[in-house]
Amino acid sequence: MAKISCLADVCMVPLGTGSPSVSDFVAAVEKKIRESHLNSTLHSAGTTIEGPWDEVTGLIGELHEYAHELGYVRVHTDIRIGTRTDKPQTAQDKVDTVLAKLNQ
């Protein structure tokens, strides 16, 4: 089991719903993410989830199962996962670093 901490940027999209809107789907998935004990940040194109690799990827699998339980037949997910071993870093830390550099 991988214990390394990670930041996963996740964008889940249901396919074949007959509607261009996905906000109901996103709200349902986001609620499930927030019910987990993992830190997360919703943004305009997905959610960043922070935590141990196995827990984050396990949650993503659970989100797929949940989406299918809700009746979504096909779900497509794009995931970008980043890790680093030199120091702990949150998603907010990364944003703060760039904002500080912009202000220099």
C-alpha atoms as a PDB file:
ATOM      1  CA  MET A   1       0.000   0.000   0.000  1.00  0.00           C
ATOM      2  CA  ALA A   2       1.407   3.361  -1.028  1.00  0.00           C
ATOM      3  CA  LYS A   3       1.674   5.782   1.900  1.00  0.00           C
ATOM      4  CA  ILE A   4       3.144   8.759   0.030  1.00  0.00           C
ATOM      5  CA  SER A   5       1.099  11.953   0.277  1.00  0.00           C
ATOM      6  CA  CYS A   6      -0.284  13.416  -2.911  1.00  0.00           C
ATOM      7  CA  LEU A   7      -2.374  16.140  -4.453  1.00  0.00           C
ATOM      8  CA  ALA A   8      -4.845  14.825  -7.019  1.00  0.00           C
ATOM      9  CA  ASP A   9      -6.649  17.132  -9.391  1.00  0.00           C
ATOM     10  CA  VAL A  10      -9.836  15.298 -10.375  1.00  0.00           C
ATOM     11  CA  CYS A  11     -12.394  16.174 -13.055  1.00  0.00           C
ATOM     12  CA  MET A  12     -15.320  13.744 -13.316  1.00  0.00           C
ATOM     13  CA  VAL A  13     -17.838  14.044 -16.142  1.00  0.00           C
ATOM     14  CA  PRO A  14     -20.895  11.894 -16.784  1.00  0.00           C
ATOM     15  CA  LEU A  15     -21.374  10.914 -20.435  1.00  0.00           C
ATOM     16  CA  GLY A  16     -24.622  10.401 -22.324  1.00  0.00           C
ATOM     17  CA  THR A  17     -26.889  12.295 -19.947  1.00  0.00           C
ATOM     18  CA  GLY A  18     -28.780  14.177 -22.646  1.00  0.00           C
ATOM     19  CA  SER A  19     -28.011  17.534 -21.031  1.00  0.00           C
ATOM     20  CA  PRO A  20     -25.049  19.868 -21.398  1.00  0.00           C
ATOM     21  CA  SER A  21     -25.272  20.749 -17.677  1.00  0.00           C
ATOM     22  CA  VAL A  22     -23.320  18.650 -15.200  1.00  0.00           C
ATOM     23  CA  SER A  23     -23.863  20.750 -12.065  1.00  0.00           C
ATOM     24  CA  ASP A  24     -26.210  18.214 -10.413  1.00  0.00           C
ATOM     25  CA  PHE A  25     -23.620  15.502 -10.942  1.00  0.00           C
ATOM     26  CA  VAL A  26     -20.774  17.708  -9.696  1.00  0.00           C
ATOM     27  CA  ALA A  27     -22.749  18.671  -6.574  1.00  0.00           C
ATOM     28  CA  ALA A  28     -23.464  15.020  -5.741  1.00  0.00           C
ATOM     29  CA  VAL A  29     -19.827  13.996  -6.195  1.00  0.00           C
ATOM     30  CA  GLU A  30     -18.528  17.048  -4.324  1.00  0.00           C
ATOM     31  CA  LYS A  31     -20.807  16.264  -1.385  1.00  0.00           C
ATOM     32  CA  LYS A  32     -19.318  12.763  -1.215  1.00  0.00           C
ATOM     33  CA  ILE A  33     -15.779  14.193  -1.335  1.00  0.00           C
ATOM     34  CA  ARG A  34     -16.578  16.576   1.527  1.00  0.00           C
ATOM     35  CA  GLU A  35     -17.975  13.691   3.587  1.00  0.00           C
ATOM     36  CA  SER A  36     -14.553  12.031   3.414  1.00  0.00           C
ATOM     37  CA  HIS A  37     -11.900  13.039   5.960  1.00  0.00           C
ATOM     38  CA  LEU A  38      -9.584  14.229   3.162  1.00  0.00           C
ATOM     39  CA  ASN A  39      -8.926  17.912   2.502  1.00  0.00           C
ATOM     40  CA  SER A  40     -10.227  19.148  -0.832  1.00  0.00           C
ATOM     41  CA  THR A  41     -10.659  22.310  -2.841  1.00  0.00           C
ATOM     42  CA  LEU A  42     -13.426  22.739  -5.411  1.00  0.00           C
ATOM     43  CA  HIS A  43     -12.467  24.814  -8.455  1.00  0.00           C
ATOM     44  CA  SER A  44     -14.062  25.641 -11.786  1.00  0.00           C
ATOM     45  CA  ALA A  45     -12.755  22.540 -13.577  1.00  0.00           C
ATOM     46  CA  GLY A  46     -12.775  19.911 -10.828  1.00  0.00           C
ATOM     47  CA  THR A  47     -11.574  19.291  -7.298  1.00  0.00           C
ATOM     48  CA  THR A  48      -8.117  18.953  -5.780  1.00  0.00           C
ATOM     49  CA  ILE A  49      -7.999  16.195  -3.163  1.00  0.00           C
ATOM     50  CA  GLU A  50      -5.119  15.971  -0.671  1.00  0.00           C
ATOM     51  CA  GLY A  51      -3.937  12.994   1.351  1.00  0.00           C
ATOM     52  CA  PRO A  52      -2.213   9.618   1.329  1.00  0.00           C
ATOM     53  CA  TRP A  53      -2.030   8.053  -2.147  1.00  0.00           C
ATOM     54  CA  ASP A  54      -4.096   4.980  -1.323  1.00  0.00           C
ATOM     55  CA  GLU A  55      -6.822   6.990   0.387  1.00  0.00           C
ATOM     56  CA  VAL A  56      -7.072   9.563  -2.411  1.00  0.00           C
ATOM     57  CA  THR A  57      -7.161   6.974  -5.197  1.00  0.00           C
ATOM     58  CA  GLY A  58      -9.522   4.825  -3.140  1.00  0.00           C
ATOM     59  CA  LEU A  59     -11.888   7.771  -2.793  1.00  0.00           C
ATOM     60  CA  ILE A  60     -11.806   8.333  -6.554  1.00  0.00           C
ATOM     61  CA  GLY A  61     -12.842   4.704  -7.062  1.00  0.00           C
ATOM     62  CA  GLU A  62     -15.626   5.133  -4.501  1.00  0.00           C
ATOM     63  CA  LEU A  63     -16.805   8.240  -6.369  1.00  0.00           C
ATOM     64  CA  HIS A  64     -17.136   6.193  -9.538  1.00  0.00           C
ATOM     65  CA  GLU A  65     -19.112   3.519  -7.702  1.00  0.00           C
ATOM     66  CA  TYR A  66     -21.335   6.210  -6.178  1.00  0.00           C
ATOM     67  CA  ALA A  67     -21.944   7.856  -9.564  1.00  0.00           C
ATOM     68  CA  HIS A  68     -23.034   4.523 -11.008  1.00  0.00           C
ATOM     69  CA  GLU A  69     -25.306   3.903  -7.996  1.00  0.00           C
ATOM     70  CA  LEU A  70     -26.941   7.253  -8.812  1.00  0.00           C
ATOM     71  CA  GLY A  71     -27.752   5.915 -12.275  1.00  0.00           C
ATOM     72  CA  TYR A  72     -24.966   7.433 -14.342  1.00  0.00           C
ATOM     73  CA  VAL A  73     -24.062   4.664 -16.765  1.00  0.00           C
ATOM     74  CA  ARG A  74     -20.782   6.108 -18.036  1.00  0.00           C
ATOM     75  CA  VAL A  75     -18.358   8.386 -16.189  1.00  0.00           C
ATOM     76  CA  HIS A  76     -15.091   9.783 -17.532  1.00  0.00           C
ATOM     77  CA  THR A  77     -12.438  11.052 -15.095  1.00  0.00           C
ATOM     78  CA  ASP A  78      -9.253  12.981 -15.762  1.00  0.00           C
ATOM     79  CA  ILE A  79      -6.743  12.795 -12.910  1.00  0.00           C
ATOM     80  CA  ARG A  80      -3.417  14.533 -12.388  1.00  0.00           C
ATOM     81  CA  ILE A  81      -1.521  13.406  -9.301  1.00  0.00           C
ATOM     82  CA  GLY A  82       1.521  15.143  -7.906  1.00  0.00           C
ATOM     83  CA  THR A  83       3.878  14.042  -5.153  1.00  0.00           C
ATOM     84  CA  ARG A  84       6.969  15.434  -3.516  1.00  0.00           C
ATOM     85  CA  THR A  85       9.230  14.093  -0.800  1.00  0.00           C
ATOM     86  CA  ASP A  86      11.306  17.115   0.219  1.00  0.00           C
ATOM     87  CA  LYS A  87       8.545  18.795   2.262  1.00  0.00           C
ATOM     88  CA  PRO A  88       4.836  18.591   3.013  1.00  0.00           C
ATOM     89  CA  GLN A  89       2.776  20.869   0.778  1.00  0.00           C
ATOM     90  CA  THR A  90      -0.938  21.593   0.479  1.00  0.00           C
ATOM     91  CA  ALA A  91      -2.778  22.856  -2.573  1.00  0.00           C
ATOM     92  CA  GLN A  92      -3.108  26.241  -0.851  1.00  0.00           C
ATOM     93  CA  ASP A  93       0.653  26.327  -0.219  1.00  0.00           C
ATOM     94  CA  LYS A  94       1.225  25.993  -3.965  1.00  0.00           C
ATOM     95  CA  VAL A  95      -1.168  28.834  -4.756  1.00  0.00           C
ATOM     96  CA  ASP A  96       0.317  31.048  -2.026  1.00  0.00           C
ATOM     97  CA  THR A  97       3.831  30.537  -3.414  1.00  0.00           C
ATOM     98  CA  VAL A  98       2.820  31.702  -6.881  1.00  0.00           C
ATOM     99  CA  LEU A  99       0.831  34.664  -5.523  1.00  0.00           C
ATOM    100  CA  ALA A 100       3.838  35.767  -3.453  1.00  0.00           C
ATOM    101  CA  LYS A 101       6.039  35.652  -6.547  1.00  0.00           C
ATOM    102  CA  LEU A 102       3.502  37.700  -8.498  1.00  0.00           C
ATOM    103  CA  ASN A 103       3.689  40.385  -5.814  1.00  0.00           C
ATOM    104  CA  GLN A 104       7.500  40.662  -5.978  1.00  0.00           C
END
